[in-house]
Amino acid sequence: MGADGEKRLIDLFQGRRQLIVHHFMFDPAWDKGCSSCTWHASSFGNLKSLAATDTSMVTVSRAPIEKLIAYQREKGWSNLWYSSYGTEFNYDFMVTLDPSRGPVQYNYKIGEELKKAIGTIEGSTEWPGFSVFFRIGDEVFHTYSAFGRGVENLTDSNRLLDITPYGRQEDFEDSPEGWPQSPTYG
């Protein structure tokens, strides 16, 4: 759900081929977003160059859209922010962990390895992350995820583009064999 109504994942692409989702920790019960995610979102700077490379970026949190819009106004942000409240989205992309829903996984760790990394998860909890998607027509592919400390280096458009299938799209780059050969690759 966005400020302009309900959206499907494919709608978040805004007609572009690549989509970056910033999973911002904001539990439905909270009045404010996570302080670390807030710092991160405030560090992005100008991301207008993403659109020039056929890439959209949005923020998604579990809090209701009204809370997200109020917090966004308070911070003076203009990013597109969507609520996944009442959906499986955050659970599907492993940024809301809840053992009552089955085994939890975060940063590709489960069981004892997860417990050693982040402690015991006893109730529903939010965690940071990024997910990248690529689409061909109406077919959407999940191509990348970053979690935990892996999200900290993603604070400018070049670093964000580095995690997308097309990368920075500079003329000297070669596309991997079997990948679409455009927009830059010829």
C-alpha atoms as a PDB file:
ATOM      1  CA  MET A   1       0.000   0.000   0.000  1.00  0.00           C
ATOM      2  CA  GLY A   2       1.351   3.384  -0.948  1.00  0.00           C
ATOM      3  CA  ALA A   3       0.168   6.933  -0.477  1.00  0.00           C
ATOM      4  CA  ASP A   4      -1.633   6.498  -3.811  1.00  0.00           C
ATOM      5  CA  GLY A   5      -3.299   3.160  -2.972  1.00  0.00           C
ATOM      6  CA  GLU A   6      -2.653  -0.559  -3.197  1.00  0.00           C
ATOM      7  CA  LYS A   7       0.224  -1.731  -5.385  1.00  0.00           C
ATOM      8  CA  ARG A   8       1.541  -5.027  -6.682  1.00  0.00           C
ATOM      9  CA  LEU A   9       5.277  -5.718  -6.776  1.00  0.00           C
ATOM     10  CA  ILE A  10       5.391  -5.172 -10.535  1.00  0.00           C
ATOM     11  CA  ASP A  11       3.812  -1.714 -10.076  1.00  0.00           C
ATOM     12  CA  LEU A  12       6.780  -0.631  -7.937  1.00  0.00           C
ATOM     13  CA  PHE A  13       9.043  -0.902 -10.996  1.00  0.00           C
ATOM     14  CA  GLN A  14       7.266   2.192 -12.414  1.00  0.00           C
ATOM     15  CA  GLY A  15       7.713   0.767 -15.921  1.00  0.00           C
ATOM     16  CA  ARG A  16      11.449   0.237 -15.473  1.00  0.00           C
ATOM     17  CA  ARG A  17      13.354  -3.060 -15.709  1.00  0.00           C
ATOM     18  CA  GLN A  18      15.159  -3.033 -12.357  1.00  0.00           C
ATOM     19  CA  LEU A  19      13.827  -2.445  -8.855  1.00  0.00           C
ATOM     20  CA  ILE A  20      15.716  -1.955  -5.591  1.00  0.00           C
ATOM     21  CA  VAL A  21      13.700  -2.374  -2.383  1.00  0.00           C
ATOM     22  CA  HIS A  22      15.104  -0.913   0.824  1.00  0.00           C
ATOM     23  CA  HIS A  23      13.581  -2.922   3.685  1.00  0.00           C
ATOM     24  CA  PHE A  24      13.277  -0.230   6.379  1.00  0.00           C
ATOM     25  CA  MET A  25      12.648  -1.533   9.907  1.00  0.00           C
ATOM     26  CA  PHE A  26       9.358  -0.048  11.110  1.00  0.00           C
ATOM     27  CA  ASP A  27       7.189  -2.462  13.095  1.00  0.00           C
ATOM     28  CA  PRO A  28       3.429  -1.754  13.077  1.00  0.00           C
ATOM     29  CA  ALA A  29       3.520  -1.160  16.862  1.00  0.00           C
ATOM     30  CA  TRP A  30       6.273   1.467  16.666  1.00  0.00           C
ATOM     31  CA  ASP A  31       5.719   5.222  16.426  1.00  0.00           C
ATOM     32  CA  LYS A  32       9.108   5.874  14.794  1.00  0.00           C
ATOM     33  CA  GLY A  33      11.291   4.007  12.334  1.00  0.00           C
ATOM     34  CA  CYS A  34      14.502   2.259  13.326  1.00  0.00           C
ATOM     35  CA  SER A  35      17.263   4.787  14.109  1.00  0.00           C
ATOM     36  CA  SER A  36      19.837   2.872  12.039  1.00  0.00           C
ATOM     37  CA  CYS A  37      17.485   2.620   9.043  1.00  0.00           C
ATOM     38  CA  THR A  38      16.709   6.315   9.486  1.00  0.00           C
ATOM     39  CA  TRP A  39      20.416   7.148   9.322  1.00  0.00           C
ATOM     40  CA  HIS A  40      20.776   4.943   6.263  1.00  0.00           C
ATOM     41  CA  ALA A  41      17.820   6.495   4.433  1.00  0.00           C
ATOM     42  CA  SER A  42      19.115   9.984   5.232  1.00  0.00           C
ATOM     43  CA  SER A  43      22.502   9.037   3.734  1.00  0.00           C
ATOM     44  CA  PHE A  44      21.259   8.146   0.261  1.00  0.00           C
ATOM     45  CA  GLY A  45      21.687  11.582  -1.282  1.00  0.00           C
ATOM     46  CA  ASN A  46      20.517  12.238  -4.822  1.00  0.00           C
ATOM     47  CA  LEU A  47      19.366   9.028  -6.476  1.00  0.00           C
ATOM     48  CA  LYS A  48      17.953  10.590  -9.664  1.00  0.00           C
ATOM     49  CA  SER A  49      20.548   8.787 -11.771  1.00  0.00           C
ATOM     50  CA  LEU A  50      18.848   5.481 -10.984  1.00  0.00           C
ATOM     51  CA  ALA A  51      15.942   6.328 -13.304  1.00  0.00           C
ATOM     52  CA  ALA A  52      18.367   7.079 -16.134  1.00  0.00           C
ATOM     53  CA  THR A  53      19.588   3.480 -15.849  1.00  0.00           C
ATOM     54  CA  ASP A  54      16.103   1.947 -15.990  1.00  0.00           C
ATOM     55  CA  THR A  55      16.087   1.404 -12.210  1.00  0.00           C
ATOM     56  CA  SER A  56      13.508   2.318  -9.567  1.00  0.00           C
ATOM     57  CA  MET A  57      14.081   2.332  -5.838  1.00  0.00           C
ATOM     58  CA  VAL A  58      11.417   2.182  -3.143  1.00  0.00           C
ATOM     59  CA  THR A  59      11.296   1.724   0.606  1.00  0.00           C
ATOM     60  CA  VAL A  60       9.052  -0.918   2.171  1.00  0.00           C
ATOM     61  CA  SER A  61       8.130  -1.290   5.856  1.00  0.00           C
ATOM     62  CA  ARG A  62       5.518  -3.248   7.797  1.00  0.00           C
ATOM     63  CA  ALA A  63       3.986  -0.265   9.618  1.00  0.00           C
ATOM     64  CA  PRO A  64       0.676   1.083   8.276  1.00  0.00           C
ATOM     65  CA  ILE A  65       1.067   3.629   5.477  1.00  0.00           C
ATOM     66  CA  GLU A  66      -0.242   6.484   7.658  1.00  0.00           C
ATOM     67  CA  LYS A  67       2.676   6.033  10.094  1.00  0.00           C
ATOM     68  CA  LEU A  68       5.152   5.828   7.234  1.00  0.00           C
ATOM     69  CA  ILE A  69       3.879   9.007   5.594  1.00  0.00           C
ATOM     70  CA  ALA A  70       3.963  10.898   8.916  1.00  0.00           C
ATOM     71  CA  TYR A  71       7.554   9.773   9.579  1.00  0.00           C
ATOM     72  CA  GLN A  72       8.587  10.572   6.027  1.00  0.00           C
ATOM     73  CA  ARG A  73       7.232  14.120   6.376  1.00  0.00           C
ATOM     74  CA  GLU A  74       8.973  14.527   9.737  1.00  0.00           C
ATOM     75  CA  LYS A  75      12.302  13.576   8.114  1.00  0.00           C
ATOM     76  CA  GLY A  76      11.727  15.601   4.939  1.00  0.00           C
ATOM     77  CA  TRP A  77      12.224  12.598   2.648  1.00  0.00           C
ATOM     78  CA  SER A  78      10.698  12.290  -0.818  1.00  0.00           C
ATOM     79  CA  ASN A  79      11.395   8.592  -1.427  1.00  0.00           C
ATOM     80  CA  LEU A  80       8.555   6.326  -2.503  1.00  0.00           C
ATOM     81  CA  TRP A  81       7.559   4.392   0.615  1.00  0.00           C
ATOM     82  CA  TYR A  82       5.160   1.486   0.725  1.00  0.00           C
ATOM     83  CA  SER A  83       3.559  -0.447   3.551  1.00  0.00           C
ATOM     84  CA  SER A  84       3.560  -4.236   3.533  1.00  0.00           C
ATOM     85  CA  TYR A  85       1.193  -4.219   6.523  1.00  0.00           C
ATOM     86  CA  GLY A  86      -1.045  -7.294   6.546  1.00  0.00           C
ATOM     87  CA  THR A  87       0.910  -9.061   3.765  1.00  0.00           C
ATOM     88  CA  GLU A  88       3.569 -11.764   3.614  1.00  0.00           C
ATOM     89  CA  PHE A  89       6.105  -9.520   1.843  1.00  0.00           C
ATOM     90  CA  ASN A  90       8.514  -8.924   4.762  1.00  0.00           C
ATOM     91  CA  TYR A  91       8.331 -12.571   5.802  1.00  0.00           C
ATOM     92  CA  ASP A  92       8.948 -13.754   2.232  1.00  0.00           C
ATOM     93  CA  PHE A  93      12.112 -11.649   1.957  1.00  0.00           C
ATOM     94  CA  MET A  94      13.337 -12.579   5.454  1.00  0.00           C
ATOM     95  CA  VAL A  95      13.305  -9.105   7.027  1.00  0.00           C
ATOM     96  CA  THR A  96      10.540  -9.831   9.542  1.00  0.00           C
ATOM     97  CA  LEU A  97      11.441 -12.849  11.623  1.00  0.00           C
ATOM     98  CA  ASP A  98       8.771 -14.605  13.670  1.00  0.00           C
ATOM     99  CA  PRO A  99       9.312 -18.110  15.079  1.00  0.00           C
ATOM    100  CA  SER A 100       5.548 -18.552  15.520  1.00  0.00           C
ATOM    101  CA  ARG A 101       5.362 -18.678  11.708  1.00  0.00           C
ATOM    102  CA  GLY A 102       7.922 -21.479  11.382  1.00  0.00           C
ATOM    103  CA  PRO A 103      11.718 -21.663  11.244  1.00  0.00           C
ATOM    104  CA  VAL A 104      13.381 -18.268  10.848  1.00  0.00           C
ATOM    105  CA  GLN A 105      16.179 -17.414   8.453  1.00  0.00           C
ATOM    106  CA  TYR A 106      18.210 -14.226   8.196  1.00  0.00           C
ATOM    107  CA  ASN A 107      21.238 -13.468   6.051  1.00  0.00           C
ATOM    108  CA  TYR A 108      21.016 -17.054   4.787  1.00  0.00           C
ATOM    109  CA  LYS A 109      21.588 -18.404   8.286  1.00  0.00           C
ATOM    110  CA  ILE A 110      19.275 -20.782  10.150  1.00  0.00           C
ATOM    111  CA  GLY A 111      19.261 -22.742  13.413  1.00  0.00           C
ATOM    112  CA  GLU A 112      22.383 -22.591  15.567  1.00  0.00           C
ATOM    113  CA  GLU A 113      24.285 -20.540  12.996  1.00  0.00           C
ATOM    114  CA  LEU A 114      21.570 -17.857  13.144  1.00  0.00           C
ATOM    115  CA  LYS A 115      21.415 -18.007  16.949  1.00  0.00           C
ATOM    116  CA  LYS A 116      25.197 -17.499  17.117  1.00  0.00           C
ATOM    117  CA  ALA A 117      25.012 -14.550  14.699  1.00  0.00           C
ATOM    118  CA  ILE A 118      22.049 -12.598  16.112  1.00  0.00           C
ATOM    119  CA  GLY A 119      20.869 -14.403  19.246  1.00  0.00           C
ATOM    120  CA  THR A 120      17.635 -16.206  19.947  1.00  0.00           C
ATOM    121  CA  ILE A 121      14.566 -14.889  18.154  1.00  0.00           C
ATOM    122  CA  GLU A 122      11.681 -15.298  20.594  1.00  0.00           C
ATOM    123  CA  GLY A 123       9.039 -13.080  19.015  1.00  0.00           C
ATOM    124  CA  SER A 124       8.357 -11.092  15.880  1.00  0.00           C
ATOM    125  CA  THR A 125      11.269  -8.792  15.068  1.00  0.00           C
ATOM    126  CA  GLU A 126      12.316  -6.539  12.199  1.00  0.00           C
ATOM    127  CA  TRP A 127      15.702  -6.670  10.441  1.00  0.00           C
ATOM    128  CA  PRO A 128      17.265  -4.508   7.700  1.00  0.00           C
ATOM    129  CA  GLY A 129      17.835  -5.537   4.127  1.00  0.00           C
ATOM    130  CA  PHE A 130      17.764  -4.808   0.428  1.00  0.00           C
ATOM    131  CA  SER A 131      16.138  -6.870  -2.304  1.00  0.00           C
ATOM    132  CA  VAL A 132      16.745  -6.394  -6.019  1.00  0.00           C
ATOM    133  CA  PHE A 133      14.324  -7.455  -8.719  1.00  0.00           C
ATOM    134  CA  PHE A 134      14.589  -7.609 -12.506  1.00  0.00           C
ATOM    135  CA  ARG A 135      11.685  -7.877 -14.875  1.00  0.00           C
ATOM    136  CA  ILE A 136      11.241  -8.982 -18.434  1.00  0.00           C
ATOM    137  CA  GLY A 137       7.735  -7.980 -19.471  1.00  0.00           C
ATOM    138  CA  ASP A 138       5.464  -9.079 -16.633  1.00  0.00           C
ATOM    139  CA  GLU A 139       7.879 -11.741 -15.378  1.00  0.00           C
ATOM    140  CA  VAL A 140       9.711 -10.672 -12.178  1.00  0.00           C
ATOM    141  CA  PHE A 141      12.934 -12.218 -10.884  1.00  0.00           C
ATOM    142  CA  HIS A 142      14.466 -11.764  -7.419  1.00  0.00           C
ATOM    143  CA  THR A 143      18.174 -11.310  -8.228  1.00  0.00           C
ATOM    144  CA  TYR A 144      19.898 -10.116  -5.052  1.00  0.00           C
ATOM    145  CA  SER A 145      19.518  -9.634  -1.316  1.00  0.00           C
ATOM    146  CA  ALA A 146      21.705  -7.930   1.276  1.00  0.00           C
ATOM    147  CA  PHE A 147      21.184  -8.106   5.020  1.00  0.00           C
ATOM    148  CA  GLY A 148      22.696  -6.846   8.267  1.00  0.00           C
ATOM    149  CA  ARG A 149      26.033  -5.089   7.837  1.00  0.00           C
ATOM    150  CA  GLY A 150      25.826  -5.774   4.108  1.00  0.00           C
ATOM    151  CA  VAL A 151      23.363  -2.908   3.701  1.00  0.00           C
ATOM    152  CA  GLU A 152      25.692  -0.263   5.141  1.00  0.00           C
ATOM    153  CA  ASN A 153      27.764   0.197   1.993  1.00  0.00           C
ATOM    154  CA  LEU A 154      24.663   0.904  -0.120  1.00  0.00           C
ATOM    155  CA  THR A 155      24.289   4.648   0.339  1.00  0.00           C
ATOM    156  CA  ASP A 156      24.778   6.142  -3.123  1.00  0.00           C
ATOM    157  CA  SER A 157      23.484   5.466  -6.618  1.00  0.00           C
ATOM    158  CA  ASN A 158      26.671   3.801  -7.945  1.00  0.00           C
ATOM    159  CA  ARG A 159      26.808   1.343  -5.074  1.00  0.00           C
ATOM    160  CA  LEU A 160      23.110   0.631  -5.496  1.00  0.00           C
ATOM    161  CA  LEU A 161      23.529   0.065  -9.233  1.00  0.00           C
ATOM    162  CA  ASP A 162      26.409  -2.328  -8.504  1.00  0.00           C
ATOM    163  CA  ILE A 163      23.892  -4.800  -7.005  1.00  0.00           C
ATOM    164  CA  THR A 164      21.566  -4.761 -10.026  1.00  0.00           C
ATOM    165  CA  PRO A 165      21.803  -7.106 -13.017  1.00  0.00           C
ATOM    166  CA  TYR A 166      22.738  -4.286 -15.424  1.00  0.00           C
ATOM    167  CA  GLY A 167      25.205  -2.627 -13.035  1.00  0.00           C
ATOM    168  CA  ARG A 168      26.338   0.935 -13.738  1.00  0.00           C
ATOM    169  CA  GLN A 169      25.812   0.492 -17.485  1.00  0.00           C
ATOM    170  CA  GLU A 170      29.059   2.134 -18.462  1.00  0.00           C
ATOM    171  CA  ASP A 171      30.154   1.749 -22.070  1.00  0.00           C
ATOM    172  CA  PHE A 172      33.323  -0.187 -21.246  1.00  0.00           C
ATOM    173  CA  GLU A 173      31.451  -2.920 -19.326  1.00  0.00           C
ATOM    174  CA  ASP A 174      30.626  -6.203 -21.019  1.00  0.00           C
ATOM    175  CA  SER A 175      27.382  -7.990 -20.333  1.00  0.00           C
ATOM    176  CA  PRO A 176      27.769 -11.561 -19.134  1.00  0.00           C
ATOM    177  CA  GLU A 177      26.983 -14.091 -21.861  1.00  0.00           C
ATOM    178  CA  GLY A 178      23.311 -15.027 -21.808  1.00  0.00           C
ATOM    179  CA  TRP A 179      22.197 -11.727 -20.238  1.00  0.00           C
ATOM    180  CA  PRO A 180      20.147  -9.187 -22.170  1.00  0.00           C
ATOM    181  CA  GLN A 181      22.557  -7.047 -24.181  1.00  0.00           C
ATOM    182  CA  SER A 182      20.890  -3.695 -23.597  1.00  0.00           C
ATOM    183  CA  PRO A 183      20.504  -0.870 -22.681  1.00  0.00           C
ATOM    184  CA  THR A 184      24.290  -0.228 -22.678  1.00  0.00           C
ATOM    185  CA  TYR A 185      25.664  -3.492 -23.889  1.00  0.00           C
ATOM    186  CA  GLY A 186      25.826  -3.796 -27.637  1.00  0.00           C
END
